[in-house]
Amino acid sequence: MSITKTQKTELIEQYRRDGKDSGSPEVQVAILTHRIKELTEHLKQHKHDYASQRGLLQMVSKRKRLLAYLLKKNRPAYQELIQRLGLRR
């Protein structure tokens, strides 16, 4: 259910701004999106896992705040990111 180290490094390489970047909003949103997709699949099978459901809501909320920040600071990067991730907005 959690993200492996290799998956995380692949996401960082795909979404980073430059060579040393590992914590930009784009990278954080990409990692959160991956975790949200995995947890959503888990909850489809385990409907009564309320602790995971709460964690999912927290991740969605954090992603929403990061996207709002990115929209405010860098609109073109925001547009590109939601298009690459396939998010609705």
N, C-alpha and C. Protein backbone atom coordinates (compact mmCIF):
# COMPACT_ATOMS: atom_id res chain seq x y z
N MET A 1 0.81 -1.18 0.00
CA MET A 1 0.00 0.00 0.00
C MET A 1 0.86 1.26 0.00
N SER A 2 2.07 1.18 0.53
CA SER A 2 2.93 2.37 0.52
C SER A 2 3.76 2.40 -0.76
N ILE A 3 4.37 3.52 -1.00
CA ILE A 3 5.16 3.71 -2.20
C ILE A 3 6.57 3.18 -1.96
N THR A 4 7.10 2.45 -2.93
CA THR A 4 8.45 1.92 -2.78
C THR A 4 9.48 3.00 -3.11
N LYS A 5 10.70 2.74 -2.72
CA LYS A 5 11.76 3.72 -2.95
C LYS A 5 12.01 3.93 -4.44
N THR A 6 11.96 2.86 -5.22
CA THR A 6 12.19 3.00 -6.66
C THR A 6 11.06 3.78 -7.33
N GLN A 7 9.82 3.54 -6.91
CA GLN A 7 8.70 4.31 -7.45
C GLN A 7 8.84 5.78 -7.11
N LYS A 8 9.27 6.05 -5.89
CA LYS A 8 9.41 7.44 -5.46
C LYS A 8 10.52 8.14 -6.24
N THR A 9 11.63 7.47 -6.46
CA THR A 9 12.72 8.10 -7.22
C THR A 9 12.32 8.32 -8.67
N GLU A 10 11.53 7.41 -9.24
CA GLU A 10 11.05 7.60 -10.61
C GLU A 10 10.14 8.82 -10.70
N LEU A 11 9.24 8.97 -9.72
CA LEU A 11 8.35 10.13 -9.71
C LEU A 11 9.14 11.42 -9.54
N ILE A 12 10.15 11.40 -8.68
CA ILE A 12 10.98 12.59 -8.47
C ILE A 12 11.70 12.96 -9.77
N GLU A 13 12.24 11.97 -10.47
CA GLU A 13 12.95 12.24 -11.72
C GLU A 13 12.01 12.79 -12.79
N GLN A 14 10.78 12.34 -12.81
CA GLN A 14 9.83 12.80 -13.83
C GLN A 14 9.34 14.22 -13.58
N TYR A 15 9.15 14.61 -12.33
CA TYR A 15 8.47 15.86 -12.01
C TYR A 15 9.36 16.93 -11.40
N ARG A 16 10.65 16.69 -11.25
CA ARG A 16 11.49 17.69 -10.61
C ARG A 16 11.81 18.86 -11.55
N ARG A 17 12.14 19.98 -10.94
CA ARG A 17 12.45 21.20 -11.70
C ARG A 17 13.86 21.20 -12.24
N ASP A 18 14.82 20.75 -11.41
CA ASP A 18 16.21 20.70 -11.84
C ASP A 18 16.88 19.47 -11.25
N GLY A 19 18.17 19.36 -11.39
CA GLY A 19 18.89 18.16 -11.00
C GLY A 19 18.85 17.81 -9.53
N LYS A 20 18.80 18.80 -8.67
CA LYS A 20 18.86 18.54 -7.22
C LYS A 20 17.50 18.64 -6.54
N ASP A 21 16.45 18.89 -7.30
CA ASP A 21 15.12 19.10 -6.73
C ASP A 21 14.50 17.78 -6.29
N SER A 22 13.99 17.75 -5.06
CA SER A 22 13.27 16.56 -4.59
C SER A 22 12.06 16.93 -3.74
N GLY A 23 11.83 18.22 -3.50
CA GLY A 23 10.75 18.59 -2.61
C GLY A 23 9.87 19.71 -3.13
N SER A 24 9.94 20.00 -4.41
CA SER A 24 9.11 21.07 -4.96
C SER A 24 7.64 20.66 -4.90
N PRO A 25 6.74 21.61 -4.99
CA PRO A 25 5.31 21.28 -4.95
C PRO A 25 4.91 20.28 -6.04
N GLU A 26 5.54 20.39 -7.21
CA GLU A 26 5.22 19.47 -8.30
C GLU A 26 5.53 18.03 -7.91
N VAL A 27 6.69 17.83 -7.30
CA VAL A 27 7.09 16.48 -6.88
C VAL A 27 6.17 15.98 -5.76
N GLN A 28 5.87 16.85 -4.80
CA GLN A 28 5.01 16.45 -3.69
C GLN A 28 3.62 16.06 -4.18
N VAL A 29 3.08 16.82 -5.12
CA VAL A 29 1.75 16.51 -5.66
C VAL A 29 1.78 15.19 -6.42
N ALA A 30 2.84 14.95 -7.18
CA ALA A 30 2.95 13.70 -7.94
C ALA A 30 3.00 12.50 -7.00
N ILE A 31 3.77 12.60 -5.94
CA ILE A 31 3.88 11.50 -4.98
C ILE A 31 2.55 11.29 -4.26
N LEU A 32 1.91 12.37 -3.85
CA LEU A 32 0.61 12.25 -3.19
C LEU A 32 -0.43 11.64 -4.12
N THR A 33 -0.41 12.02 -5.39
CA THR A 33 -1.36 11.48 -6.36
C THR A 33 -1.17 9.98 -6.51
N HIS A 34 0.08 9.54 -6.55
CA HIS A 34 0.35 8.10 -6.65
C HIS A 34 -0.17 7.37 -5.41
N ARG A 35 0.08 7.92 -4.23
CA ARG A 35 -0.39 7.28 -2.99
C ARG A 35 -1.91 7.29 -2.91
N ILE A 36 -2.54 8.37 -3.37
CA ILE A 36 -4.00 8.46 -3.35
C ILE A 36 -4.61 7.39 -4.26
N LYS A 37 -4.04 7.19 -5.43
CA LYS A 37 -4.56 6.17 -6.35
C LYS A 37 -4.45 4.77 -5.75
N GLU A 38 -3.31 4.48 -5.11
CA GLU A 38 -3.13 3.17 -4.48
C GLU A 38 -4.13 2.97 -3.34
N LEU A 39 -4.30 3.99 -2.52
CA LEU A 39 -5.19 3.87 -1.37
C LEU A 39 -6.64 3.78 -1.81
N THR A 40 -6.99 4.43 -2.90
CA THR A 40 -8.36 4.35 -3.43
C THR A 40 -8.66 2.91 -3.86
N GLU A 41 -7.70 2.26 -4.51
CA GLU A 41 -7.89 0.86 -4.90
C GLU A 41 -8.03 -0.03 -3.68
N HIS A 42 -7.26 0.24 -2.63
CA HIS A 42 -7.35 -0.53 -1.40
C HIS A 42 -8.74 -0.39 -0.77
N LEU A 43 -9.25 0.83 -0.77
CA LEU A 43 -10.55 1.08 -0.13
C LEU A 43 -11.71 0.51 -0.94
N LYS A 44 -11.52 0.26 -2.22
CA LYS A 44 -12.57 -0.39 -3.01
C LYS A 44 -12.79 -1.82 -2.53
N GLN A 45 -11.73 -2.47 -2.05
CA GLN A 45 -11.83 -3.85 -1.56
C GLN A 45 -12.17 -3.90 -0.08
N HIS A 46 -11.69 -2.92 0.69
CA HIS A 46 -11.88 -2.92 2.14
C HIS A 46 -12.69 -1.69 2.54
N LYS A 47 -13.99 -1.79 2.37
CA LYS A 47 -14.87 -0.64 2.55
C LYS A 47 -14.93 -0.12 3.99
N HIS A 48 -14.65 -0.98 4.96
CA HIS A 48 -14.79 -0.59 6.36
C HIS A 48 -13.46 -0.24 7.01
N ASP A 49 -12.44 0.03 6.21
CA ASP A 49 -11.14 0.45 6.74
C ASP A 49 -11.16 1.96 6.94
N TYR A 50 -11.72 2.37 8.06
CA TYR A 50 -11.96 3.79 8.30
C TYR A 50 -10.67 4.55 8.60
N ALA A 51 -9.66 3.90 9.16
CA ALA A 51 -8.40 4.58 9.42
C ALA A 51 -7.73 4.96 8.10
N SER A 52 -7.76 4.05 7.14
CA SER A 52 -7.19 4.36 5.83
C SER A 52 -8.02 5.41 5.11
N GLN A 53 -9.32 5.38 5.33
CA GLN A 53 -10.20 6.38 4.72
C GLN A 53 -9.86 7.78 5.24
N ARG A 54 -9.58 7.86 6.52
CA ARG A 54 -9.19 9.15 7.11
C ARG A 54 -7.86 9.61 6.54
N GLY A 55 -6.91 8.69 6.40
CA GLY A 55 -5.63 9.03 5.82
C GLY A 55 -5.77 9.52 4.38
N LEU A 56 -6.66 8.88 3.64
CA LEU A 56 -6.91 9.29 2.26
C LEU A 56 -7.44 10.72 2.21
N LEU A 57 -8.38 11.04 3.08
CA LEU A 57 -8.92 12.40 3.11
C LEU A 57 -7.85 13.42 3.47
N GLN A 58 -6.95 13.07 4.37
CA GLN A 58 -5.86 13.97 4.72
C GLN A 58 -4.92 14.20 3.54
N MET A 59 -4.63 13.12 2.78
CA MET A 59 -3.75 13.26 1.62
C MET A 59 -4.40 14.11 0.53
N VAL A 60 -5.69 13.92 0.32
CA VAL A 60 -6.41 14.70 -0.68
C VAL A 60 -6.40 16.18 -0.29
N SER A 61 -6.58 16.45 0.99
CA SER A 61 -6.58 17.83 1.48
C SER A 61 -5.21 18.46 1.32
N LYS A 62 -4.16 17.72 1.63
CA LYS A 62 -2.80 18.25 1.48
C LYS A 62 -2.49 18.53 0.02
N ARG A 63 -2.89 17.62 -0.87
CA ARG A 63 -2.67 17.82 -2.30
C ARG A 63 -3.42 19.07 -2.78
N LYS A 64 -4.62 19.26 -2.27
CA LYS A 64 -5.41 20.42 -2.65
C LYS A 64 -4.71 21.72 -2.24
N ARG A 65 -4.16 21.74 -1.02
CA ARG A 65 -3.43 22.92 -0.56
C ARG A 65 -2.18 23.18 -1.39
N LEU A 66 -1.45 22.12 -1.73
CA LEU A 66 -0.25 22.28 -2.55
C LEU A 66 -0.59 22.79 -3.95
N LEU A 67 -1.69 22.29 -4.52
CA LEU A 67 -2.11 22.76 -5.83
C LEU A 67 -2.55 24.22 -5.79
N ALA A 68 -3.21 24.63 -4.71
CA ALA A 68 -3.61 26.02 -4.57
C ALA A 68 -2.39 26.93 -4.47
N TYR A 69 -1.38 26.48 -3.75
CA TYR A 69 -0.13 27.24 -3.64
C TYR A 69 0.54 27.36 -5.00
N LEU A 70 0.61 26.25 -5.72
CA LEU A 70 1.26 26.26 -7.03
C LEU A 70 0.49 27.15 -8.00
N LEU A 71 -0.83 27.13 -7.94
CA LEU A 71 -1.64 27.98 -8.79
C LEU A 71 -1.36 29.46 -8.52
N LYS A 72 -1.20 29.79 -7.25
CA LYS A 72 -0.94 31.17 -6.86
C LYS A 72 0.46 31.62 -7.29
N LYS A 73 1.45 30.74 -7.17
CA LYS A 73 2.83 31.12 -7.43
C LYS A 73 3.26 30.96 -8.88
N ASN A 74 2.75 29.91 -9.56
CA ASN A 74 3.25 29.61 -10.91
C ASN A 74 2.14 28.93 -11.71
N ARG A 75 1.28 29.74 -12.32
CA ARG A 75 0.11 29.20 -13.04
C ARG A 75 0.49 28.27 -14.20
N PRO A 76 1.49 28.57 -15.03
CA PRO A 76 1.83 27.64 -16.12
C PRO A 76 2.30 26.27 -15.61
N ALA A 77 3.07 26.26 -14.53
CA ALA A 77 3.51 24.99 -13.96
C ALA A 77 2.32 24.21 -13.41
N TYR A 78 1.37 24.92 -12.82
CA TYR A 78 0.15 24.29 -12.31
C TYR A 78 -0.63 23.64 -13.45
N GLN A 79 -0.83 24.37 -14.54
CA GLN A 79 -1.58 23.85 -15.68
C GLN A 79 -0.90 22.61 -16.26
N GLU A 80 0.41 22.67 -16.40
CA GLU A 80 1.15 21.53 -16.94
C GLU A 80 1.06 20.32 -16.02
N LEU A 81 1.17 20.55 -14.72
CA LEU A 81 1.13 19.46 -13.75
C LEU A 81 -0.22 18.75 -13.74
N ILE A 82 -1.32 19.49 -13.70
CA ILE A 82 -2.61 18.81 -13.65
C ILE A 82 -2.90 18.09 -14.96
N GLN A 83 -2.36 18.60 -16.06
CA GLN A 83 -2.53 17.91 -17.33
C GLN A 83 -1.73 16.61 -17.35
N ARG A 84 -0.48 16.66 -16.86
CA ARG A 84 0.36 15.45 -16.85
C ARG A 84 -0.18 14.39 -15.91
N LEU A 85 -0.76 14.81 -14.79
CA LEU A 85 -1.28 13.86 -13.82
C LEU A 85 -2.71 13.42 -14.12
N GLY A 86 -3.37 14.15 -14.99
CA GLY A 86 -4.75 13.81 -15.33
C GLY A 86 -5.73 14.18 -14.24
N LEU A 87 -5.49 15.27 -13.56
CA LEU A 87 -6.38 15.72 -12.50
C LEU A 87 -7.42 16.67 -13.06
N ARG A 88 -8.58 16.68 -12.43
CA ARG A 88 -9.64 17.59 -12.86
C ARG A 88 -9.44 18.95 -12.18
N ARG A 89 -9.74 20.01 -12.89
CA ARG A 89 -9.75 21.35 -12.31
C ARG A 89 -10.53 22.25 -13.19
